[in-house]
Amino acid sequence: MKKKKAAKIRASEKAKTASALWELRLYVAGRSPKSLTAFANLNKICEEFLPGQYTIEIIDLLQNPHLAEGDQIIAIPTLVRKLPEPLRKIVGDLSNTEQTLIGLQLRQARTGAT
């Protein structure tokens, strides 16, 4: 009886994770090449790994520089994962998909001998 209950709890936890909304915030500097690349890469990653489970808020620091303070942004482009917690930050144009997935905690870092 206890095993069935534990299995149901694990299954419901997986369902919550699968349907959890990912709240992402991308800090950019206008329409610079790196900003546009970061946005395109983020869209591609989200569509492939989080279809229908994410929101992306774009913050243009050229228009709203005061917004950098809230998330302590010191470089751009910077991606901030607000939800699910914990908060995570990734700096750069997100062109290394594997590193971005690890940074977002969508994939575990590979370990092993080199």
Protein backbone atom coordinates (compact mmCIF):
# COMPACT_ATOMS: atom_id res chain seq x y z
CA MET A 1 0.00 0.00 0.00
CA LYS A 2 2.79 2.43 0.89
CA LYS A 3 4.60 1.73 -2.38
CA LYS A 4 1.57 2.74 -4.44
CA LYS A 5 1.19 5.97 -2.48
CA ALA A 6 4.87 6.82 -2.98
CA ALA A 7 4.57 6.12 -6.71
CA LYS A 8 1.56 8.42 -6.95
CA ILE A 9 3.43 11.20 -5.17
CA ARG A 10 6.42 10.83 -7.48
CA ALA A 11 4.15 10.83 -10.53
CA SER A 12 2.35 13.99 -9.37
CA GLU A 13 5.69 15.70 -8.67
CA LYS A 14 6.79 14.91 -12.23
CA ALA A 15 3.52 16.29 -13.56
CA LYS A 16 4.02 19.52 -11.62
CA THR A 17 7.56 19.87 -13.00
CA ALA A 18 6.42 19.10 -16.53
CA SER A 19 3.65 21.69 -16.41
CA ALA A 20 5.53 24.31 -14.38
CA LEU A 21 5.73 27.73 -15.98
CA TRP A 22 9.25 28.91 -16.65
CA GLU A 23 9.52 32.67 -16.18
CA LEU A 24 12.54 33.97 -18.08
CA ARG A 25 13.83 37.52 -18.35
CA LEU A 26 16.37 38.48 -21.01
CA TYR A 27 18.31 41.72 -20.51
CA VAL A 28 19.56 43.18 -23.79
CA ALA A 29 21.03 46.38 -25.22
CA GLY A 30 18.70 47.46 -27.99
CA ARG A 31 18.94 45.50 -31.22
CA SER A 32 22.65 44.75 -31.03
CA PRO A 33 23.85 41.60 -32.81
CA LYS A 34 24.51 39.82 -29.51
CA SER A 35 21.09 40.78 -28.17
CA LEU A 36 19.32 39.50 -31.29
CA THR A 37 21.37 36.30 -31.23
CA ALA A 38 20.59 35.72 -27.55
CA PHE A 39 16.86 36.17 -28.17
CA ALA A 40 16.87 33.83 -31.19
CA ASN A 41 18.84 31.19 -29.29
CA LEU A 42 16.57 31.46 -26.26
CA ASN A 43 13.45 31.08 -28.41
CA LYS A 44 14.91 28.01 -30.09
CA ILE A 45 15.83 26.40 -26.76
CA CYS A 46 12.45 27.14 -25.20
CA GLU A 47 10.50 25.79 -28.17
CA GLU A 48 12.54 22.60 -28.16
CA PHE A 49 12.80 21.93 -24.41
CA LEU A 50 9.89 23.87 -22.82
CA PRO A 51 7.11 24.06 -25.43
CA GLY A 52 4.11 25.91 -24.04
CA GLN A 53 5.68 26.14 -20.57
CA TYR A 54 7.55 29.44 -20.65
CA THR A 55 7.28 33.20 -20.79
CA ILE A 56 10.07 35.47 -21.94
CA GLU A 57 10.25 39.09 -20.86
CA ILE A 58 12.71 41.23 -22.82
CA ILE A 59 14.23 44.14 -20.91
CA ASP A 60 16.03 46.68 -23.10
CA LEU A 61 18.52 48.41 -20.84
CA LEU A 62 19.06 51.19 -23.38
CA GLN A 63 15.45 52.22 -22.77
CA ASN A 64 15.20 51.29 -19.08
CA PRO A 65 18.69 51.23 -17.51
CA HIS A 66 17.26 51.46 -13.98
CA LEU A 67 15.80 47.94 -14.36
CA ALA A 68 19.28 46.40 -14.27
CA GLU A 69 19.56 47.05 -10.55
CA GLY A 70 16.72 44.73 -9.51
CA ASP A 71 18.38 41.59 -10.86
CA GLN A 72 21.92 42.95 -10.38
CA ILE A 73 22.76 42.88 -14.08
CA ILE A 74 26.37 43.79 -14.81
CA ALA A 75 26.76 42.39 -18.34
CA ILE A 76 24.47 42.02 -21.33
CA PRO A 77 22.92 40.00 -22.73
CA THR A 78 21.96 38.24 -19.50
CA LEU A 79 19.23 35.65 -19.08
CA VAL A 80 17.57 35.42 -15.67
CA ARG A 81 15.46 32.41 -14.76
CA LYS A 82 12.97 33.79 -12.23
CA LEU A 83 10.86 30.62 -12.01
CA PRO A 84 11.17 27.83 -11.20
CA GLU A 85 13.30 28.78 -8.24
CA PRO A 86 16.13 29.09 -7.49
CA LEU A 87 16.96 32.16 -9.55
CA ARG A 88 19.66 31.46 -12.16
CA LYS A 89 21.64 33.81 -14.43
CA ILE A 90 23.41 33.11 -17.70
CA VAL A 91 25.55 35.76 -19.37
CA GLY A 92 26.16 35.74 -23.11
CA ASP A 93 24.37 35.11 -26.37
CA LEU A 94 23.26 31.57 -25.38
CA SER A 95 24.90 30.09 -28.49
CA ASN A 96 26.26 27.11 -26.55
CA THR A 97 23.01 25.18 -26.17
CA GLU A 98 24.50 22.52 -23.89
CA GLN A 99 25.88 25.12 -21.45
CA THR A 100 22.60 27.04 -21.54
CA LEU A 101 20.61 23.90 -20.73
CA ILE A 102 22.96 23.14 -17.83
CA GLY A 103 22.73 26.75 -16.62
CA LEU A 104 18.93 26.60 -16.70
CA GLN A 105 19.11 23.24 -14.95
CA LEU A 106 17.27 21.52 -17.79
CA ARG A 107 20.18 19.12 -18.16
CA GLN A 108 22.80 17.74 -15.78
CA ALA A 109 26.45 18.55 -16.38
CA ARG A 110 28.29 15.55 -17.75
CA THR A 111 31.03 14.20 -15.57
CA GLY A 112 33.83 11.88 -16.49
CA ALA A 113 37.48 11.64 -17.38
CA THR A 114 38.79 13.75 -20.23
